[in-house]
Each structure stands twice: as C-alpha cells, then as structure tokens.
Amino acid sequence: MKKILILAGGYSNEREISLITAKSVIKELKKNRKYNLLLIEPDGNFVKKLRKFKPNLVLNLLHGRYGEDGYIQSILETEKVKYTHSGVLSSSLAIDKELSKMIFSKNNILTPPHLKLIFKNNLNLENIIKRIDKKLQFPVVLKPINEGSSVGVFICDKKNFKKNFFKLEKFKEILIEKYIPGREIQAAILGDKKLGIIELKPKRKFYDYKAKYSASAKTKHIIPVNISKKNFNKVNSIAMKAHKLLKCRGVSRSDFRFYKNKFYLLELNTQPGMTSLSLVPEIARYKKISFIQLIDTIIEDASVNK
C-alpha cells in the first residue's frame, strides 16, 4: 500500500476550505484500498509526524498562505519527500499577484493594469485616488497581494473606495486593479493536458468567497461554455502558457474575464479546491474523468515528477 500523508487545515484564511477539500478527497481515497492515509495539520509537530509516518508522498491540500506559497513546499523538499502540486518557486510566484502579473505581461498574456500599494502611516487617500484616475480609472478591484479564494476582494467605485480600502489595511500590501467587466471563465490544466473550461454566472456581484463555497449563493456553472471554437482553443492555450511560464506541476486553474473578444488573465491558482462545489472536479467530470481518477492523476504526477 502506498503511504500518503495528507496535509490540510493550516493557518491561512482558507483553513476551513482546506479541511472541506481534505474531507472530500479522503472519502474518495478510502474507496481505493491501495492507499494508507494519514491526515495531519502543519503544526509544531508536523515534521516529527512526517518522519515517523515515512510517507511515499505528501498530498498537499492546504490553501492560501503557508500552504501554497512555497513555504510548506520548502520544508517538504528539505525533508526530501515527494509532494503533489507545484514546487517552491512556482507556488511563490503564482500566489504573488503582482509578480505573476509581471511575468504574464512580459510574455504577452493580457492581464488588467494595476497599482501596488503598501500601507504606511502617511498614506494620502486623495493622492491614491488621483493615481487611480490617471492610470486605471474607476471602477477598480482591491485585493490582497497574496491571498486566495477571493479573500478580501472588493469591487469599488469612488463612492465606496475609502470604506473598502481601509478594510485591507491588515494585509499590509494590496493590489489595485482595473476592473474588467464581461464573462467569468475558468480554465484548468492537468499535467501536460488542457483539461477544459467552465463559465460562472454568480448571483452576487462577482465570484467571491461566498459564491465559491456556499450553495446558497446559487452561482450558475455553465459547461459546455457557449463560445467559438477559436476562443475555446485560445483561452485553453493561454492557461497552458501561464502554467508553463510559472513551471507549475499537477493541476492549476486560471481565472479569466472575457470582454470585447479578449481574455484577461486575472490570476493562476496552483492548488484549486476539491470540494463538492469546486470547478476543477466539475470540468473533469464533463471530460468523463471521475473524482478518484482526478486525485489518482495528481498523486501519480507527484510520483513521476519528484
């Protein structure tokens, strides 16, 4: 039996989602008796437990900071343990929204223009608004520079900018991004294959944390997407290009806005969720790939590539 240590929970704002993901994955893996599973959290005894269990690989189901930003990956590499999903550098680049956007732009991938802001005591809000008017124009999107699951994301016009702006002070560094209207389309990559795309129509203002993880939000998931073959191939190709540029491994999901026949890449997620409402398993199901087959593929990718 292959010994798999499952990492979930953690210290980020996405702790709850990580645990839900782990619950969904463990339920599937228990149907397959070829795996010996141990679920732990990355607490102070994590390395001790890791060494005692001696897994064949670690299934990393952490989300957000310390889990998909290269931190836990660097520990696992120090311990010389195989692990799923992307490596240290890829993870740290993908979660840093400014660095990844710079890489995308440099390689001719369209992404919304932005400003980076560091919270300091002498911030002049009027000057910030003037900079936005000059470079971006309202409305804009406020977001932390290194969080996932739309944690702390606000769409702002001039009227509600100040109120939402100071809600993000605890994050220290934020991105102010030009708001792109249009259709929300997500594209998934699995290994070296273009898995497919899905369109989202949230009842809420955008595909925020509640829309992602609450059935009551009633976000409409559309698959197949009503889009031309040319644009279907185009968005899949951009997702694959971004995946390769960041040297991602395993599964990744790229978030796009489709506006005036152009795809704007908002960000790339190296460890997409695997809950009952998650998009990658839904795209996989449409391609006749079951949940257990998807997880097996992610596990085998770690075995092959590490």
Protein backbone atom coordinates (compact mmCIF):
# COMPACT_ATOMS: atom_id res chain seq x y z
CA MET A 1 0.00 0.00 0.00
CA LYS A 2 1.20 3.49 -0.87
CA LYS A 3 1.55 5.60 2.27
CA ILE A 4 0.10 9.07 1.73
CA LEU A 5 0.31 11.86 4.26
CA ILE A 6 -2.49 14.38 3.69
CA LEU A 7 -1.79 17.97 4.72
CA ALA A 8 -4.87 20.12 5.42
CA GLY A 9 -6.12 22.94 7.63
CA GLY A 10 -3.22 25.24 8.37
CA TYR A 11 -3.11 28.88 9.38
CA SER A 12 -4.45 30.80 6.39
CA ASN A 13 -7.83 32.46 5.90
CA GLU A 14 -8.73 29.43 3.78
CA ARG A 15 -8.30 26.89 6.58
CA GLU A 16 -11.97 25.84 6.53
CA ILE A 17 -11.94 25.25 2.77
CA SER A 18 -8.75 23.20 3.06
CA LEU A 19 -10.42 20.91 5.62
CA ILE A 20 -13.53 20.53 3.43
CA THR A 21 -11.28 19.68 0.48
CA ALA A 22 -9.47 17.07 2.60
CA LYS A 23 -12.75 15.52 3.72
CA SER A 24 -13.92 15.18 0.09
CA VAL A 25 -10.59 13.71 -1.06
CA ILE A 26 -10.26 11.25 1.85
CA LYS A 27 -13.78 9.98 1.24
CA GLU A 28 -12.80 9.08 -2.32
CA LEU A 29 -9.39 7.65 -1.48
CA LYS A 30 -10.86 5.34 1.16
CA LYS A 31 -12.80 3.61 -1.61
CA ASN A 32 -9.43 2.54 -3.02
CA ARG A 33 -7.58 0.16 -0.72
CA LYS A 34 -4.17 0.75 -2.31
CA TYR A 35 -3.61 3.81 -0.11
CA ASN A 36 -2.63 4.02 3.57
CA LEU A 37 -3.72 7.52 4.66
CA LEU A 38 -2.77 9.83 7.49
CA LEU A 39 -4.29 13.32 7.82
CA ILE A 40 -2.33 15.92 9.78
CA GLU A 41 -2.10 19.69 10.08
CA PRO A 42 1.16 21.64 9.66
CA ASP A 43 1.50 22.40 13.37
CA GLY A 44 4.60 22.45 15.58
CA ASN A 45 4.84 18.64 15.49
CA PHE A 46 4.37 18.36 11.75
CA VAL A 47 7.95 17.36 10.84
CA LYS A 48 8.11 14.85 13.70
CA LYS A 49 4.88 13.19 12.50
CA LEU A 50 6.12 13.25 8.91
CA ARG A 51 9.36 11.45 9.80
CA LYS A 52 7.52 8.89 11.92
CA PHE A 53 4.96 8.04 9.21
CA LYS A 54 7.57 7.95 6.39
CA PRO A 55 5.08 8.54 3.55
CA ASN A 56 5.69 7.69 -0.09
CA LEU A 57 4.36 11.18 -0.80
CA VAL A 58 2.52 14.12 0.70
CA LEU A 59 -0.86 15.11 -0.75
CA ASN A 60 -0.84 18.85 -0.13
CA LEU A 61 -4.40 20.07 0.30
CA LEU A 62 -3.53 23.32 2.06
CA HIS A 63 -4.84 26.58 0.63
CA GLY A 64 -3.55 30.12 0.91
CA ARG A 65 -0.52 31.44 2.75
CA TYR A 66 1.97 28.91 4.18
CA GLY A 67 0.28 26.17 2.14
CA GLU A 68 0.51 27.20 -1.49
CA ASP A 69 3.08 29.99 -1.37
CA GLY A 70 6.25 27.87 -1.31
CA TYR A 71 6.58 27.78 2.50
CA ILE A 72 5.41 24.21 3.17
CA GLN A 73 6.95 23.10 -0.12
CA SER A 74 10.41 24.22 1.04
CA ILE A 75 10.02 22.16 4.24
CA LEU A 76 8.98 19.08 2.27
CA GLU A 77 11.94 19.47 -0.07
CA THR A 78 14.29 19.81 2.90
CA GLU A 79 12.83 16.53 4.18
CA LYS A 80 13.29 15.03 0.69
CA VAL A 81 9.63 13.99 0.46
CA LYS A 82 7.66 13.81 -2.77
CA TYR A 83 4.61 16.07 -2.77
CA THR A 84 1.71 17.00 -5.04
CA HIS A 85 1.09 20.24 -6.91
CA SER A 86 3.63 22.91 -7.80
CA GLY A 87 7.08 23.42 -6.32
CA VAL A 88 8.59 26.18 -4.20
CA LEU A 89 9.28 28.81 -6.87
CA SER A 90 6.12 28.17 -8.89
CA SER A 91 3.94 28.37 -5.79
CA SER A 92 5.56 31.58 -4.52
CA LEU A 93 5.26 33.26 -7.93
CA ALA A 94 1.64 32.24 -8.52
CA ILE A 95 0.36 33.43 -5.15
CA ASP A 96 2.12 36.80 -5.52
CA LYS A 97 -0.40 38.58 -7.72
CA GLU A 98 1.98 41.34 -8.73
CA LEU A 99 4.95 39.11 -9.66
CA SER A 100 2.77 36.70 -11.64
CA LYS A 101 1.09 39.58 -13.49
CA MET A 102 4.52 40.97 -14.40
CA ILE A 103 5.53 37.57 -15.82
CA PHE A 104 2.28 37.28 -17.75
CA SER A 105 2.58 40.79 -19.21
CA LYS A 106 6.22 40.28 -20.18
CA ASN A 107 5.17 37.19 -22.11
CA ASN A 108 2.28 38.84 -23.96
CA ILE A 109 -0.54 37.49 -21.82
CA LEU A 110 -3.19 40.15 -21.34
CA THR A 111 -3.86 40.99 -17.69
CA PRO A 112 -5.62 44.03 -16.15
CA PRO A 113 -3.37 47.03 -15.39
CA HIS A 114 -2.70 47.58 -11.69
CA LEU A 115 -1.05 49.56 -8.91
CA LYS A 116 0.68 48.02 -5.91
CA LEU A 117 0.21 49.74 -2.55
CA ILE A 118 1.97 49.25 0.77
CA PHE A 119 0.10 50.53 3.80
CA LYS A 120 2.07 53.19 5.64
CA ASN A 121 1.20 55.81 8.27
CA ASN A 122 1.45 58.71 5.83
CA LEU A 123 -0.87 57.44 3.11
CA ASN A 124 -2.70 60.22 1.30
CA LEU A 125 -6.02 58.83 0.10
CA GLU A 126 -6.70 61.75 -2.24
CA ASN A 127 -3.35 61.20 -3.99
CA ILE A 128 -4.13 57.50 -4.34
CA ILE A 129 -7.48 58.31 -5.95
CA LYS A 130 -5.72 60.70 -8.34
CA ARG A 131 -3.27 57.94 -9.31
CA ILE A 132 -6.18 55.59 -9.95
CA ASP A 133 -7.96 58.19 -12.09
CA LYS A 134 -4.79 58.73 -14.11
CA LYS A 135 -3.60 55.14 -14.60
CA LEU A 136 -6.62 52.87 -14.12
CA GLN A 137 -9.91 54.78 -13.79
CA PHE A 138 -12.78 53.56 -11.65
CA PRO A 139 -14.21 51.03 -11.01
CA VAL A 140 -11.25 49.08 -9.60
CA VAL A 141 -10.70 45.83 -7.75
CA LEU A 142 -8.99 45.87 -4.36
CA LYS A 143 -7.29 42.64 -3.32
CA PRO A 144 -4.53 41.42 -1.00
CA ILE A 145 -1.34 40.64 -2.89
CA ASN A 146 -1.02 37.05 -1.66
CA GLU A 147 -4.38 35.60 -0.62
CA GLY A 148 -6.65 33.15 -2.43
CA SER A 149 -10.36 32.25 -2.64
CA SER A 150 -11.24 35.93 -3.19
CA VAL A 151 -10.44 36.67 0.46
CA GLY A 152 -10.50 40.44 0.96
CA VAL A 153 -11.54 41.26 -2.62
CA PHE A 154 -13.74 44.29 -3.26
CA ILE A 155 -15.03 45.93 -6.43
CA CYS A 156 -15.02 49.68 -5.82
CA ASP A 157 -16.21 52.88 -7.39
CA LYS A 158 -15.22 56.29 -5.99
CA LYS A 159 -18.11 56.27 -3.55
CA ASN A 160 -17.23 53.07 -1.70
CA PHE A 161 -13.46 53.08 -2.30
CA LYS A 162 -12.46 54.65 1.01
CA LYS A 163 -14.70 52.36 3.09
CA ASN A 164 -13.32 49.19 1.49
CA PHE A 165 -9.74 50.45 1.19
CA PHE A 166 -9.14 50.51 4.94
CA LYS A 167 -10.65 47.05 5.39
CA LEU A 168 -7.49 45.74 3.71
CA GLU A 169 -5.01 47.51 5.97
CA LYS A 170 -4.32 44.27 7.88
CA PHE A 171 -2.87 42.72 4.71
CA LYS A 172 -0.06 45.34 4.51
CA GLU A 173 0.36 45.02 0.72
CA ILE A 174 -2.51 45.19 -1.74
CA LEU A 175 -3.18 45.33 -5.46
CA ILE A 176 -5.46 47.94 -7.00
CA GLU A 177 -6.50 46.50 -10.34
CA LYS A 178 -8.55 47.87 -13.21
CA TYR A 179 -11.98 46.25 -13.10
CA ILE A 180 -12.72 44.27 -16.25
CA PRO A 181 -16.41 43.53 -16.85
CA GLY A 182 -17.55 40.66 -19.00
CA ARG A 183 -17.86 36.89 -18.67
CA GLU A 184 -16.10 34.90 -15.94
CA ILE A 185 -14.33 31.89 -17.45
CA GLN A 186 -12.03 29.45 -15.68
CA ALA A 187 -9.59 27.11 -17.43
CA ALA A 188 -7.96 24.05 -15.87
CA ILE A 189 -4.67 22.37 -16.72
CA LEU A 190 -3.84 18.85 -15.56
CA GLY A 191 -0.19 17.89 -16.05
CA ASP A 192 0.56 18.50 -19.70
CA LYS A 193 -3.09 18.44 -20.79
CA LYS A 194 -5.67 21.18 -21.27
CA LEU A 195 -8.49 19.86 -19.10
CA GLY A 196 -11.15 22.35 -20.24
CA ILE A 197 -13.12 25.45 -19.28
CA ILE A 198 -16.22 26.46 -17.35
CA GLU A 199 -18.21 29.71 -17.19
CA LEU A 200 -19.58 31.18 -13.99
CA LYS A 201 -22.62 33.40 -13.58
CA PRO A 202 -22.75 34.48 -9.92
CA LYS A 203 -25.94 35.89 -8.44
CA ARG A 204 -23.60 38.05 -6.37
CA LYS A 205 -21.56 40.97 -7.72
CA PHE A 206 -18.70 38.64 -8.65
CA TYR A 207 -17.38 35.14 -7.91
CA ASP A 208 -16.37 35.96 -4.33
CA TYR A 209 -15.68 33.69 -1.33
CA LYS A 210 -19.38 33.03 -0.66
CA ALA A 211 -20.11 32.39 -4.33
CA LYS A 212 -17.25 29.88 -4.42
CA TYR A 213 -18.13 27.88 -1.32
CA SER A 214 -21.79 28.35 -0.47
CA ALA A 215 -24.55 26.53 -2.31
CA SER A 216 -26.95 29.23 -1.11
CA ALA A 217 -25.11 31.77 -3.30
CA LYS A 218 -26.58 29.94 -6.32
CA THR A 219 -23.74 30.61 -8.73
CA LYS A 220 -24.61 29.17 -12.13
CA HIS A 221 -21.94 26.86 -13.56
CA ILE A 222 -22.09 26.58 -17.35
CA ILE A 223 -20.40 23.71 -19.17
CA PRO A 224 -20.01 23.40 -22.10
CA VAL A 225 -19.31 27.10 -22.49
CA ASN A 226 -21.13 28.87 -25.32
CA ILE A 227 -18.03 30.17 -27.10
CA SER A 228 -16.49 29.85 -30.56
CA LYS A 229 -14.00 27.05 -31.20
CA LYS A 230 -11.32 29.66 -31.87
CA ASN A 231 -11.85 31.33 -28.49
CA PHE A 232 -12.17 27.96 -26.74
CA ASN A 233 -8.74 26.98 -28.06
CA LYS A 234 -7.35 30.42 -27.30
CA VAL A 235 -8.28 30.50 -23.61
CA ASN A 236 -7.05 26.93 -23.10
CA SER A 237 -3.76 27.85 -24.77
CA ILE A 238 -3.31 30.94 -22.58
CA ALA A 239 -3.94 28.82 -19.47
CA MET A 240 -1.36 26.28 -20.62
CA LYS A 241 1.14 29.05 -21.43
CA ALA A 242 0.70 30.56 -17.96
CA HIS A 243 1.02 27.11 -16.37
CA LYS A 244 4.31 26.53 -18.19
CA LEU A 245 5.65 30.06 -17.61
CA LEU A 246 5.37 29.58 -13.85
CA LYS A 247 6.65 26.00 -14.23
CA CYS A 248 3.59 24.62 -12.47
CA ARG A 249 3.11 20.92 -11.86
CA GLY A 250 0.00 18.80 -11.47
CA VAL A 251 -3.22 20.78 -11.62
CA SER A 252 -3.70 24.53 -11.98
CA ARG A 253 -6.73 26.75 -12.64
CA SER A 254 -6.56 30.12 -14.37
CA ASP A 255 -9.23 32.77 -13.82
CA PHE A 256 -10.20 34.91 -16.82
CA ARG A 257 -12.51 37.74 -17.76
CA PHE A 258 -13.72 37.63 -21.37
CA TYR A 259 -14.51 41.14 -22.56
CA LYS A 260 -14.79 42.58 -26.08
CA ASN A 261 -13.44 39.35 -27.53
CA LYS A 262 -10.31 39.47 -25.35
CA PHE A 263 -9.27 37.20 -22.49
CA TYR A 264 -7.80 38.92 -19.43
CA LEU A 265 -5.93 36.57 -17.11
CA LEU A 266 -6.65 37.64 -13.53
CA GLU A 267 -4.59 35.05 -11.67
CA LEU A 268 -3.46 31.43 -11.60
CA ASN A 269 -4.24 29.05 -8.73
CA THR A 270 -1.71 26.24 -8.15
CA GLN A 271 -3.88 24.33 -5.66
CA PRO A 272 -7.53 24.67 -6.68
CA GLY A 273 -10.18 23.41 -4.29
CA MET A 274 -11.57 19.88 -4.43
CA THR A 275 -14.90 20.40 -2.65
CA SER A 276 -18.34 19.44 -3.98
CA LEU A 277 -18.66 22.95 -5.45
CA SER A 278 -15.12 23.14 -6.87
CA LEU A 279 -14.54 23.83 -10.53
CA VAL A 280 -11.68 21.50 -11.48
CA PRO A 281 -13.57 18.33 -10.45
CA GLU A 282 -16.61 19.64 -12.36
CA ILE A 283 -14.57 20.25 -15.51
CA ALA A 284 -13.01 16.79 -15.10
CA ARG A 285 -16.46 15.14 -14.74
CA TYR A 286 -17.53 16.75 -18.01
CA LYS A 287 -14.47 15.16 -19.62
CA LYS A 288 -15.52 11.75 -18.18
CA ILE A 289 -12.78 11.85 -15.54
CA SER A 290 -14.14 10.74 -12.17
CA PHE A 291 -13.13 12.40 -8.91
CA ILE A 292 -10.97 9.41 -7.88
CA GLN A 293 -9.31 9.36 -11.31
CA LEU A 294 -8.52 13.06 -10.95
CA ILE A 295 -6.98 12.55 -7.50
CA ASP A 296 -5.05 9.48 -8.70
CA THR A 297 -3.62 11.52 -11.57
CA ILE A 298 -2.47 14.28 -9.20
CA ILE A 299 -0.87 11.65 -6.95
CA GLU A 300 0.84 9.88 -9.84
CA ASP A 301 2.13 13.23 -11.14
CA ALA A 302 3.89 13.77 -7.80
CA SER A 303 5.37 10.27 -8.04
CA VAL A 304 6.68 10.82 -11.55
CA ASN A 305 7.97 14.38 -11.20
CA LYS A 306 9.55 14.48 -7.74
